[in-house]
Amino acid sequence: MNTGQLLSIGLGGVTIAILGGVAEYMKEKEMPKAKGIARDFIIGAIMTLLLFQLLPDSMSDFSASLLNVGNVTSMVGGALSSSAEPELQVGVPEF
């Protein structure tokens, strides 16, 4: 696993933990327990790992873009270049 994948797994876990904590706070009107937050984090991390298995190319592109968040010129430059055609791959996927 590279840094982008670990960052994506952590981000998925944190996102689900935050959503679960907010939902529990809205339902119970009290602060969520640490056990529930940890459970939601693990669920989010596992869900992100499953997405890596089901959509490997898309998730690899997403995790690579997370590492380049600070480098806006590469994202804008890639969107503005009209001469580059997308690569079309036909056949058995290379895992």
PDB file of N, CA and C in Angstrom:
ATOM      1  N   MET A   1       0.845  -1.181   0.000  1.00  0.00           N
ATOM      2  CA  MET A   1       0.000   0.000   0.000  1.00  0.00           C
ATOM      3  C   MET A   1       0.888   1.242   0.000  1.00  0.00           C
ATOM      4  N   ASN A   2       0.488   2.188  -0.819  1.00  0.00           N
ATOM      5  CA  ASN A   2       1.243   3.427  -0.847  1.00  0.00           C
ATOM      6  C   ASN A   2       0.572   4.481   0.041  1.00  0.00           C
ATOM      7  N   THR A   3       1.186   5.632   0.095  1.00  0.00           N
ATOM      8  CA  THR A   3       0.706   6.696   0.978  1.00  0.00           C
ATOM      9  C   THR A   3      -0.684   7.184   0.577  1.00  0.00           C
ATOM     10  N   GLY A   4      -0.957   7.267  -0.723  1.00  0.00           N
ATOM     11  CA  GLY A   4      -2.263   7.726  -1.177  1.00  0.00           C
ATOM     12  C   GLY A   4      -3.383   6.792  -0.766  1.00  0.00           C
ATOM     13  N   GLN A   5      -3.120   5.493  -0.815  1.00  0.00           N
ATOM     14  CA  GLN A   5      -4.141   4.541  -0.408  1.00  0.00           C
ATOM     15  C   GLN A   5      -4.395   4.614   1.091  1.00  0.00           C
ATOM     16  N   LEU A   6      -3.350   4.724   1.878  1.00  0.00           N
ATOM     17  CA  LEU A   6      -3.529   4.840   3.324  1.00  0.00           C
ATOM     18  C   LEU A   6      -4.258   6.128   3.688  1.00  0.00           C
ATOM     19  N   LEU A   7      -3.932   7.205   2.969  1.00  0.00           N
ATOM     20  CA  LEU A   7      -4.618   8.473   3.202  1.00  0.00           C
ATOM     21  C   LEU A   7      -6.094   8.360   2.836  1.00  0.00           C
ATOM     22  N   SER A   8      -6.403   7.658   1.748  1.00  0.00           N
ATOM     23  CA  SER A   8      -7.800   7.465   1.343  1.00  0.00           C
ATOM     24  C   SER A   8      -8.566   6.618   2.352  1.00  0.00           C
ATOM     25  N   ILE A   9      -7.926   5.566   2.867  1.00  0.00           N
ATOM     26  CA  ILE A   9      -8.574   4.714   3.864  1.00  0.00           C
ATOM     27  C   ILE A   9      -8.859   5.516   5.134  1.00  0.00           C
ATOM     28  N   GLY A  10      -7.887   6.310   5.567  1.00  0.00           N
ATOM     29  CA  GLY A  10      -8.091   7.147   6.748  1.00  0.00           C
ATOM     30  C   GLY A  10      -9.171   8.185   6.530  1.00  0.00           C
ATOM     31  N   LEU A  11      -9.182   8.791   5.343  1.00  0.00           N
ATOM     32  CA  LEU A  11     -10.195   9.798   5.036  1.00  0.00           C
ATOM     33  C   LEU A  11     -11.593   9.180   4.983  1.00  0.00           C
ATOM     34  N   GLY A  12     -11.703   7.970   4.429  1.00  0.00           N
ATOM     35  CA  GLY A  12     -12.993   7.280   4.404  1.00  0.00           C
ATOM     36  C   GLY A  12     -13.471   6.948   5.803  1.00  0.00           C
ATOM     37  N   GLY A  13     -12.550   6.493   6.660  1.00  0.00           N
ATOM     38  CA  GLY A  13     -12.911   6.177   8.040  1.00  0.00           C
ATOM     39  C   GLY A  13     -13.338   7.411   8.816  1.00  0.00           C
ATOM     40  N   VAL A  14     -12.616   8.496   8.635  1.00  0.00           N
ATOM     41  CA  VAL A  14     -12.944   9.737   9.346  1.00  0.00           C
ATOM     42  C   VAL A  14     -14.291  10.285   8.868  1.00  0.00           C
ATOM     43  N   THR A  15     -14.538  10.208   7.562  1.00  0.00           N
ATOM     44  CA  THR A  15     -15.801  10.723   7.026  1.00  0.00           C
ATOM     45  C   THR A  15     -17.001   9.965   7.598  1.00  0.00           C
ATOM     46  N   ILE A  16     -16.927   8.647   7.608  1.00  0.00           N
ATOM     47  CA  ILE A  16     -18.035   7.853   8.143  1.00  0.00           C
ATOM     48  C   ILE A  16     -18.163   8.049   9.653  1.00  0.00           C
ATOM     49  N   ALA A  17     -17.033   8.194  10.350  1.00  0.00           N
ATOM     50  CA  ALA A  17     -17.089   8.427  11.799  1.00  0.00           C
ATOM     51  C   ALA A  17     -17.755   9.767  12.109  1.00  0.00           C
ATOM     52  N   ILE A  18     -17.452  10.787  11.318  1.00  0.00           N
ATOM     53  CA  ILE A  18     -18.072  12.101  11.539  1.00  0.00           C
ATOM     54  C   ILE A  18     -19.573  12.025  11.262  1.00  0.00           C
ATOM     55  N   LEU A  19     -19.940  11.393  10.151  1.00  0.00           N
ATOM     56  CA  LEU A  19     -21.367  11.274   9.830  1.00  0.00           C
ATOM     57  C   LEU A  19     -22.113  10.471  10.892  1.00  0.00           C
ATOM     58  N   GLY A  20     -21.504   9.397  11.382  1.00  0.00           N
ATOM     59  CA  GLY A  20     -22.127   8.599  12.432  1.00  0.00           C
ATOM     60  C   GLY A  20     -22.248   9.363  13.735  1.00  0.00           C
ATOM     61  N   GLY A  21     -21.219  10.149  14.071  1.00  0.00           N
ATOM     62  CA  GLY A  21     -21.272  10.949  15.290  1.00  0.00           C
ATOM     63  C   GLY A  21     -22.343  12.023  15.236  1.00  0.00           C
ATOM     64  N   VAL A  22     -22.451  12.679  14.075  1.00  0.00           N
ATOM     65  CA  VAL A  22     -23.483  13.710  13.914  1.00  0.00           C
ATOM     66  C   VAL A  22     -24.873  13.081  13.980  1.00  0.00           C
ATOM     67  N   ALA A  23     -25.043  11.926  13.330  1.00  0.00           N
ATOM     68  CA  ALA A  23     -26.352  11.264  13.356  1.00  0.00           C
ATOM     69  C   ALA A  23     -26.727  10.842  14.774  1.00  0.00           C
ATOM     70  N   GLU A  24     -25.759  10.320  15.524  1.00  0.00           N
ATOM     71  CA  GLU A  24     -26.045   9.908  16.901  1.00  0.00           C
ATOM     72  C   GLU A  24     -26.357  11.112  17.782  1.00  0.00           C
ATOM     73  N   TYR A  25     -25.646  12.221  17.564  1.00  0.00           N
ATOM     74  CA  TYR A  25     -25.909  13.424  18.356  1.00  0.00           C
ATOM     75  C   TYR A  25     -27.306  13.970  18.056  1.00  0.00           C
ATOM     76  N   MET A  26     -27.696  13.961  16.788  1.00  0.00           N
ATOM     77  CA  MET A  26     -29.023  14.470  16.425  1.00  0.00           C
ATOM     78  C   MET A  26     -30.141  13.571  16.964  1.00  0.00           C
ATOM     79  N   LYS A  27     -29.878  12.276  17.037  1.00  0.00           N
ATOM     80  CA  LYS A  27     -30.899  11.342  17.494  1.00  0.00           C
ATOM     81  C   LYS A  27     -31.022  11.328  19.015  1.00  0.00           C
ATOM     82  N   GLU A  28     -29.887  11.250  19.715  1.00  0.00           N
ATOM     83  CA  GLU A  28     -29.879  11.089  21.166  1.00  0.00           C
ATOM     84  C   GLU A  28     -29.766  12.403  21.934  1.00  0.00           C
ATOM     85  N   LYS A  29     -29.351  13.477  21.271  1.00  0.00           N
ATOM     86  CA  LYS A  29     -29.129  14.790  21.896  1.00  0.00           C
ATOM     87  C   LYS A  29     -28.068  14.733  22.998  1.00  0.00           C
ATOM     88  N   GLU A  30     -27.093  13.850  22.827  1.00  0.00           N
ATOM     89  CA  GLU A  30     -25.950  13.791  23.739  1.00  0.00           C
ATOM     90  C   GLU A  30     -24.711  13.430  22.932  1.00  0.00           C
ATOM     91  N   MET A  31     -23.564  13.685  23.508  1.00  0.00           N
ATOM     92  CA  MET A  31     -22.309  13.430  22.798  1.00  0.00           C
ATOM     93  C   MET A  31     -22.157  11.932  22.521  1.00  0.00           C
ATOM     94  N   PRO A  32     -21.691  11.586  21.310  1.00  0.00           N
ATOM     95  CA  PRO A  32     -21.522  10.166  20.987  1.00  0.00           C
ATOM     96  C   PRO A  32     -20.388   9.530  21.796  1.00  0.00           C
ATOM     97  N   LYS A  33     -20.505   8.244  22.013  1.00  0.00           N
ATOM     98  CA  LYS A  33     -19.493   7.497  22.767  1.00  0.00           C
ATOM     99  C   LYS A  33     -18.297   7.184  21.866  1.00  0.00           C
ATOM    100  N   ALA A  34     -17.145   7.015  22.488  1.00  0.00           N
ATOM    101  CA  ALA A  34     -15.921   6.709  21.738  1.00  0.00           C
ATOM    102  C   ALA A  34     -16.024   5.355  21.043  1.00  0.00           C
ATOM    103  N   LYS A  35     -16.739   4.417  21.653  1.00  0.00           N
ATOM    104  CA  LYS A  35     -16.901   3.095  21.062  1.00  0.00           C
ATOM    105  C   LYS A  35     -17.666   3.174  19.744  1.00  0.00           C
ATOM    106  N   GLY A  36     -18.694   3.991  19.689  1.00  0.00           N
ATOM    107  CA  GLY A  36     -19.466   4.168  18.458  1.00  0.00           C
ATOM    108  C   GLY A  36     -18.672   4.860  17.372  1.00  0.00           C
ATOM    109  N   ILE A  37     -17.880   5.854  17.766  1.00  0.00           N
ATOM    110  CA  ILE A  37     -17.037   6.564  16.797  1.00  0.00           C
ATOM    111  C   ILE A  37     -15.990   5.617  16.223  1.00  0.00           C
ATOM    112  N   ALA A  38     -15.375   4.793  17.090  1.00  0.00           N
ATOM    113  CA  ALA A  38     -14.369   3.837  16.620  1.00  0.00           C
ATOM    114  C   ALA A  38     -15.005   2.807  15.688  1.00  0.00           C
ATOM    115  N   ARG A  39     -16.217   2.353  16.017  1.00  0.00           N
ATOM    116  CA  ARG A  39     -16.920   1.407  15.161  1.00  0.00           C
ATOM    117  C   ARG A  39     -17.186   2.011  13.787  1.00  0.00           C
ATOM    118  N   ASP A  40     -17.641   3.261  13.763  1.00  0.00           N
ATOM    119  CA  ASP A  40     -17.919   3.930  12.498  1.00  0.00           C
ATOM    120  C   ASP A  40     -16.646   4.150  11.690  1.00  0.00           C
ATOM    121  N   PHE A  41     -15.525   4.453  12.363  1.00  0.00           N
ATOM    122  CA  PHE A  41     -14.258   4.623  11.661  1.00  0.00           C
ATOM    123  C   PHE A  41     -13.840   3.317  10.988  1.00  0.00           C
ATOM    124  N   ILE A  42     -13.976   2.210  11.706  1.00  0.00           N
ATOM    125  CA  ILE A  42     -13.592   0.911  11.145  1.00  0.00           C
ATOM    126  C   ILE A  42     -14.500   0.555   9.975  1.00  0.00           C
ATOM    127  N   ILE A  43     -15.790   0.839  10.092  1.00  0.00           N
ATOM    128  CA  ILE A  43     -16.727   0.571   8.997  1.00  0.00           C
ATOM    129  C   ILE A  43     -16.346   1.401   7.774  1.00  0.00           C
ATOM    130  N   GLY A  44     -16.012   2.669   7.974  1.00  0.00           N
ATOM    131  CA  GLY A  44     -15.623   3.525   6.853  1.00  0.00           C
ATOM    132  C   GLY A  44     -14.324   3.082   6.201  1.00  0.00           C
ATOM    133  N   ALA A  45     -13.363   2.640   7.009  1.00  0.00           N
ATOM    134  CA  ALA A  45     -12.096   2.169   6.461  1.00  0.00           C
ATOM    135  C   ALA A  45     -12.300   0.889   5.659  1.00  0.00           C
ATOM    136  N   ILE A  46     -13.121  -0.028   6.161  1.00  0.00           N
ATOM    137  CA  ILE A  46     -13.394  -1.274   5.439  1.00  0.00           C
ATOM    138  C   ILE A  46     -14.160  -0.987   4.153  1.00  0.00           C
ATOM    139  N   MET A  47     -15.100  -0.053   4.202  1.00  0.00           N
ATOM    140  CA  MET A  47     -15.834   0.308   2.999  1.00  0.00           C
ATOM    141  C   MET A  47     -14.892   0.879   1.932  1.00  0.00           C
ATOM    142  N   THR A  48     -13.932   1.690   2.343  1.00  0.00           N
ATOM    143  CA  THR A  48     -12.964   2.243   1.406  1.00  0.00           C
ATOM    144  C   THR A  48     -12.081   1.143   0.835  1.00  0.00           C
ATOM    145  N   LEU A  49     -11.680   0.185   1.662  1.00  0.00           N
ATOM    146  CA  LEU A  49     -10.896  -0.949   1.161  1.00  0.00           C
ATOM    147  C   LEU A  49     -11.681  -1.759   0.138  1.00  0.00           C
ATOM    148  N   LEU A  50     -12.978  -1.952   0.381  1.00  0.00           N
ATOM    149  CA  LEU A  50     -13.807  -2.663  -0.590  1.00  0.00           C
ATOM    150  C   LEU A  50     -13.913  -1.895  -1.903  1.00  0.00           C
ATOM    151  N   LEU A  51     -14.002  -0.571  -1.816  1.00  0.00           N
ATOM    152  CA  LEU A  51     -14.025   0.227  -3.040  1.00  0.00           C
ATOM    153  C   LEU A  51     -12.721   0.089  -3.808  1.00  0.00           C
ATOM    154  N   PHE A  52     -11.587  -0.025  -3.099  1.00  0.00           N
ATOM    155  CA  PHE A  52     -10.302  -0.248  -3.770  1.00  0.00           C
ATOM    156  C   PHE A  52     -10.310  -1.574  -4.514  1.00  0.00           C
ATOM    157  N   GLN A  53     -10.988  -2.586  -3.979  1.00  0.00           N
ATOM    158  CA  GLN A  53     -11.044  -3.888  -4.637  1.00  0.00           C
ATOM    159  C   GLN A  53     -12.009  -3.876  -5.824  1.00  0.00           C
ATOM    160  N   LEU A  54     -13.129  -3.169  -5.694  1.00  0.00           N
ATOM    161  CA  LEU A  54     -14.133  -3.167  -6.749  1.00  0.00           C
ATOM    162  C   LEU A  54     -13.816  -2.199  -7.882  1.00  0.00           C
ATOM    163  N   LEU A  55     -13.222  -1.061  -7.567  1.00  0.00           N
ATOM    164  CA  LEU A  55     -12.903  -0.027  -8.556  1.00  0.00           C
ATOM    165  C   LEU A  55     -11.428   0.362  -8.453  1.00  0.00           C
ATOM    166  N   PRO A  56     -10.506  -0.526  -8.818  1.00  0.00           N
ATOM    167  CA  PRO A  56      -9.089  -0.245  -8.560  1.00  0.00           C
ATOM    168  C   PRO A  56      -8.545   0.951  -9.336  1.00  0.00           C
ATOM    169  N   ASP A  57      -8.928   1.112 -10.608  1.00  0.00           N
ATOM    170  CA  ASP A  57      -8.384   2.215 -11.390  1.00  0.00           C
ATOM    171  C   ASP A  57      -8.912   3.558 -10.911  1.00  0.00           C
ATOM    172  N   SER A  58     -10.211   3.630 -10.659  1.00  0.00           N
ATOM    173  CA  SER A  58     -10.800   4.887 -10.213  1.00  0.00           C
ATOM    174  C   SER A  58     -10.273   5.296  -8.835  1.00  0.00           C
ATOM    175  N   MET A  59     -10.161   4.335  -7.928  1.00  0.00           N
ATOM    176  CA  MET A  59      -9.676   4.655  -6.587  1.00  0.00           C
ATOM    177  C   MET A  59      -8.193   5.001  -6.602  1.00  0.00           C
ATOM    178  N   SER A  60      -7.421   4.389  -7.501  1.00  0.00           N
ATOM    179  CA  SER A  60      -6.007   4.743  -7.605  1.00  0.00           C
ATOM    180  C   SER A  60      -5.854   6.174  -8.098  1.00  0.00           C
ATOM    181  N   ASP A  61      -6.688   6.555  -9.079  1.00  0.00           N
ATOM    182  CA  ASP A  61      -6.658   7.936  -9.551  1.00  0.00           C
ATOM    183  C   ASP A  61      -7.066   8.903  -8.447  1.00  0.00           C
ATOM    184  N   PHE A  62      -8.087   8.511  -7.655  1.00  0.00           N
ATOM    185  CA  PHE A  62      -8.548   9.358  -6.560  1.00  0.00           C
ATOM    186  C   PHE A  62      -7.473   9.518  -5.488  1.00  0.00           C
ATOM    187  N   SER A  63      -6.820   8.413  -5.126  1.00  0.00           N
ATOM    188  CA  SER A  63      -5.792   8.499  -4.087  1.00  0.00           C
ATOM    189  C   SER A  63      -4.574   9.265  -4.582  1.00  0.00           C
ATOM    190  N   ALA A  64      -4.275   9.176  -5.869  1.00  0.00           N
ATOM    191  CA  ALA A  64      -3.163   9.960  -6.416  1.00  0.00           C
ATOM    192  C   ALA A  64      -3.509  11.446  -6.424  1.00  0.00           C
ATOM    193  N   SER A  65      -4.779  11.767  -6.672  1.00  0.00           N
ATOM    194  CA  SER A  65      -5.173  13.179  -6.668  1.00  0.00           C
ATOM    195  C   SER A  65      -5.180  13.755  -5.255  1.00  0.00           C
ATOM    196  N   LEU A  66      -5.386  12.899  -4.234  1.00  0.00           N
ATOM    197  CA  LEU A  66      -5.324  13.391  -2.858  1.00  0.00           C
ATOM    198  C   LEU A  66      -3.921  13.877  -2.504  1.00  0.00           C
ATOM    199  N   LEU A  67      -2.916  13.229  -3.065  1.00  0.00           N
ATOM    200  CA  LEU A  67      -1.548  13.643  -2.781  1.00  0.00           C
ATOM    201  C   LEU A  67      -1.187  14.934  -3.495  1.00  0.00           C
ATOM    202  N   ASN A  68      -1.906  15.253  -4.570  1.00  0.00           N
ATOM    203  CA  ASN A  68      -1.609  16.454  -5.352  1.00  0.00           C
ATOM    204  C   ASN A  68      -2.589  17.586  -5.068  1.00  0.00           C
ATOM    205  N   VAL A  69      -3.238  17.579  -3.929  1.00  0.00           N
ATOM    206  CA  VAL A  69      -4.225  18.618  -3.616  1.00  0.00           C
ATOM    207  C   VAL A  69      -3.551  19.990  -3.564  1.00  0.00           C
ATOM    208  N   GLY A  70      -2.358  20.046  -3.033  1.00  0.00           N
ATOM    209  CA  GLY A  70      -1.647  21.319  -2.958  1.00  0.00           C
ATOM    210  C   GLY A  70      -1.165  21.810  -4.298  1.00  0.00           C
ATOM    211  N   ASN A  71      -1.014  20.927  -5.257  1.00  0.00           N
ATOM    212  CA  ASN A  71      -0.502  21.292  -6.564  1.00  0.00           C
ATOM    213  C   ASN A  71      -1.666  21.497  -7.524  1.00  0.00           C
ATOM    214  N   VAL A  72      -2.270  22.670  -7.471  1.00  0.00           N
ATOM    215  CA  VAL A  72      -3.464  22.965  -8.254  1.00  0.00           C
ATOM    216  C   VAL A  72      -3.130  23.082  -9.736  1.00  0.00           C
ATOM    217  N   THR A  73      -1.929  23.496 -10.067  1.00  0.00           N
ATOM    218  CA  THR A  73      -1.590  23.692 -11.473  1.00  0.00           C
ATOM    219  C   THR A  73      -1.603  22.388 -12.249  1.00  0.00           C
ATOM    220  N   SER A  74      -1.282  21.275 -11.602  1.00  0.00           N
ATOM    221  CA  SER A  74      -1.313  20.002 -12.324  1.00  0.00           C
ATOM    222  C   SER A  74      -2.747  19.584 -12.628  1.00  0.00           C
ATOM    223  N   MET A  75      -3.683  19.861 -11.707  1.00  0.00           N
ATOM    224  CA  MET A  75      -5.077  19.503 -11.950  1.00  0.00           C
ATOM    225  C   MET A  75      -5.682  20.404 -13.018  1.00  0.00           C
ATOM    226  N   VAL A  76      -5.391  21.710 -12.967  1.00  0.00           N
ATOM    227  CA  VAL A  76      -5.946  22.636 -13.943  1.00  0.00           C
ATOM    228  C   VAL A  76      -5.295  22.420 -15.296  1.00  0.00           C
ATOM    229  N   GLY A  77      -3.981  22.183 -15.303  1.00  0.00           N
ATOM    230  CA  GLY A  77      -3.280  21.954 -16.562  1.00  0.00           C
ATOM    231  C   GLY A  77      -3.761  20.702 -17.261  1.00  0.00           C
ATOM    232  N   GLY A  78      -4.070  19.652 -16.506  1.00  0.00           N
ATOM    233  CA  GLY A  78      -4.579  18.423 -17.107  1.00  0.00           C
ATOM    234  C   GLY A  78      -5.964  18.615 -17.691  1.00  0.00           C
ATOM    235  N   ALA A  79      -6.768  19.476 -17.090  1.00  0.00           N
ATOM    236  CA  ALA A  79      -8.123  19.711 -17.587  1.00  0.00           C
ATOM    237  C   ALA A  79      -8.119  20.608 -18.816  1.00  0.00           C
ATOM    238  N   LEU A  80      -7.117  21.473 -18.942  1.00  0.00           N
ATOM    239  CA  LEU A  80      -7.084  22.416 -20.046  1.00  0.00           C
ATOM    240  C   LEU A  80      -6.428  21.851 -21.296  1.00  0.00           C
ATOM    241  N   SER A  81      -5.652  20.800 -21.171  1.00  0.00           N
ATOM    242  CA  SER A  81      -4.966  20.265 -22.342  1.00  0.00           C
ATOM    243  C   SER A  81      -5.959  19.484 -23.191  1.00  0.00           C
ATOM    244  N   SER A  82      -6.219  19.986 -24.403  1.00  0.00           N
ATOM    245  CA  SER A  82      -7.210  19.353 -25.268  1.00  0.00           C
ATOM    246  C   SER A  82      -6.571  18.391 -26.253  1.00  0.00           C
ATOM    247  N   SER A  83      -5.246  18.423 -26.391  1.00  0.00           N
ATOM    248  CA  SER A  83      -4.598  17.557 -27.368  1.00  0.00           C
ATOM    249  C   SER A  83      -4.449  16.128 -26.871  1.00  0.00           C
ATOM    250  N   ALA A  84      -4.449  15.911 -25.569  1.00  0.00           N
ATOM    251  CA  ALA A  84      -4.276  14.567 -25.024  1.00  0.00           C
ATOM    252  C   ALA A  84      -5.608  13.822 -25.055  1.00  0.00           C
ATOM    253  N   GLU A  85      -5.596  12.649 -25.685  1.00  0.00           N
ATOM    254  CA  GLU A  85      -6.803  11.836 -25.737  1.00  0.00           C
ATOM    255  C   GLU A  85      -6.771  10.817 -24.607  1.00  0.00           C
ATOM    256  N   PRO A  86      -7.925  10.464 -24.062  1.00  0.00           N
ATOM    257  CA  PRO A  86      -7.933   9.469 -22.993  1.00  0.00           C
ATOM    258  C   PRO A  86      -7.511   8.104 -23.535  1.00  0.00           C
ATOM    259  N   GLU A  87      -6.817   7.359 -22.706  1.00  0.00           N
ATOM    260  CA  GLU A  87      -6.348   6.038 -23.105  1.00  0.00           C
ATOM    261  C   GLU A  87      -7.478   5.032 -22.924  1.00  0.00           C
ATOM    262  N   LEU A  88      -7.799   4.298 -23.970  1.00  0.00           N
ATOM    263  CA  LEU A  88      -8.852   3.306 -23.926  1.00  0.00           C
ATOM    264  C   LEU A  88      -8.219   1.925 -23.886  1.00  0.00           C
ATOM    265  N   GLN A  89      -8.511   1.180 -22.852  1.00  0.00           N
ATOM    266  CA  GLN A  89      -7.956  -0.156 -22.711  1.00  0.00           C
ATOM    267  C   GLN A  89      -9.083  -1.171 -22.868  1.00  0.00           C
ATOM    268  N   VAL A  90      -8.867  -2.122 -23.751  1.00  0.00           N
ATOM    269  CA  VAL A  90      -9.852  -3.152 -24.023  1.00  0.00           C
ATOM    270  C   VAL A  90      -9.222  -4.505 -23.691  1.00  0.00           C
ATOM    271  N   GLY A  91      -9.972  -5.343 -23.028  1.00  0.00           N
ATOM    272  CA  GLY A  91      -9.467  -6.683 -22.726  1.00  0.00           C
ATOM    273  C   GLY A  91      -9.488  -6.960 -21.251  1.00  0.00           C
ATOM    274  N   VAL A  92      -8.686  -7.925 -20.856  1.00  0.00           N
ATOM    275  CA  VAL A  92      -8.614  -8.343 -19.466  1.00  0.00           C
ATOM    276  C   VAL A  92      -7.907  -7.277 -18.636  1.00  0.00           C
ATOM    277  N   PRO A  93      -8.465  -6.866 -17.488  1.00  0.00           N
ATOM    278  CA  PRO A  93      -7.793  -5.846 -16.679  1.00  0.00           C
ATOM    279  C   PRO A  93      -6.493  -6.367 -16.092  1.00  0.00           C
ATOM    280  N   GLU A  94      -5.526  -5.481 -15.979  1.00  0.00           N
ATOM    281  CA  GLU A  94      -4.223  -5.832 -15.422  1.00  0.00           C
ATOM    282  C   GLU A  94      -4.191  -5.438 -13.951  1.00  0.00           C
ATOM    283  N   PHE A  95      -4.333  -6.410 -13.059  1.00  0.00           N
ATOM    284  CA  PHE A  95      -4.329  -6.130 -11.636  1.00  0.00           C
ATOM    285  C   PHE A  95      -2.945  -6.263 -11.096  1.00  0.00           C
TER     286      PHE A  95
END
